Amino acid sequence: MGLLIGTTFYPVISTTRRHKLIMWCFRLAAIPLAIILYVVLVRNFYTADPYAGELSTRTHRLTQHSHDPDP
């Protein structure tokens, strides 16, 4: 993410027209890519359950049996 955003903001030092054109094309591609990656990573961070699976099921079963009044 830092490389994508950093390259969009640094000035083009080259005087050749071809290099400027390549940099502008990269900038136009990098900005939407950075936005899409940011949204996907944030959604994945807040929706993924790292404790899903067998470990949480086993813990849930253990806590259910320990609070069960009838053995």
Protein backbone atom coordinates (compact mmCIF):
# COMPACT_ATOMS: atom_id res chain seq x y z
CA MET A 1 0.00 0.00 0.00
CA GLY A 2 2.81 2.39 0.83
CA LEU A 3 4.52 1.81 -2.49
CA LEU A 4 1.31 2.33 -4.43
CA ILE A 5 0.40 5.54 -2.63
CA GLY A 6 3.99 6.80 -2.54
CA THR A 7 4.51 6.47 -6.26
CA THR A 8 1.32 8.36 -6.98
CA PHE A 9 2.48 11.41 -4.99
CA TYR A 10 6.16 11.75 -5.85
CA PRO A 11 6.97 14.15 -8.68
CA VAL A 12 8.09 12.95 -12.08
CA ILE A 13 11.69 14.10 -12.44
CA SER A 14 12.35 12.74 -15.91
CA THR A 15 12.07 15.12 -18.83
CA THR A 16 11.12 12.48 -21.39
CA ARG A 17 7.54 12.40 -22.52
CA ARG A 18 7.45 8.59 -22.52
CA HIS A 19 8.45 8.36 -18.85
CA LYS A 20 5.82 10.92 -17.87
CA LEU A 21 3.17 8.99 -19.80
CA ILE A 22 4.15 5.72 -18.13
CA MET A 23 4.03 7.35 -14.70
CA TRP A 24 0.59 8.85 -15.32
CA CYS A 25 -0.72 5.48 -16.50
CA PHE A 26 0.70 3.85 -13.40
CA ARG A 27 -0.86 6.52 -11.21
CA LEU A 28 -4.26 6.06 -12.82
CA ALA A 29 -4.02 2.31 -12.23
CA ALA A 30 -2.51 2.51 -8.73
CA ILE A 31 -5.10 4.78 -7.12
CA PRO A 32 -8.15 2.51 -7.72
CA LEU A 33 -6.04 -0.56 -6.91
CA ALA A 34 -5.00 0.96 -3.58
CA ILE A 35 -8.61 1.85 -2.75
CA ILE A 36 -9.84 -1.65 -3.62
CA LEU A 37 -7.07 -3.31 -1.60
CA TYR A 38 -7.76 -1.05 1.38
CA VAL A 39 -11.48 -1.85 1.36
CA VAL A 40 -10.87 -5.59 1.00
CA LEU A 41 -8.29 -5.67 3.79
CA VAL A 42 -10.45 -3.65 6.18
CA ARG A 43 -13.51 -5.80 5.48
CA ASN A 44 -11.46 -8.95 5.97
CA PHE A 45 -10.05 -7.63 9.26
CA TYR A 46 -13.45 -6.82 10.74
CA THR A 47 -15.41 -9.82 9.42
CA ALA A 48 -12.97 -12.72 9.72
CA ASP A 49 -13.17 -14.80 12.90
CA PRO A 50 -9.67 -16.02 13.73
CA TYR A 51 -11.06 -18.38 16.38
CA ALA A 52 -13.57 -20.08 14.10
CA GLY A 53 -13.26 -23.79 13.65
CA GLU A 54 -12.57 -26.68 15.96
CA LEU A 55 -10.91 -24.69 18.73
CA SER A 56 -13.89 -22.41 19.37
CA THR A 57 -16.33 -25.34 19.09
CA ARG A 58 -14.35 -27.35 21.63
CA THR A 59 -14.18 -24.36 23.97
CA HIS A 60 -17.90 -23.77 23.56
CA ARG A 61 -18.67 -27.42 24.38
CA LEU A 62 -16.43 -27.32 27.46
CA THR A 63 -18.09 -24.17 28.78
CA GLN A 64 -21.55 -25.59 28.12
CA HIS A 65 -20.87 -28.75 30.13
CA SER A 66 -19.23 -26.92 33.00
CA HIS A 67 -22.33 -24.75 33.53
CA ASP A 68 -24.83 -27.55 33.05
CA PRO A 69 -26.70 -28.14 36.37
CA ASP A 70 -27.58 -31.76 35.48
CA PRO A 71 -24.49 -33.89 34.90
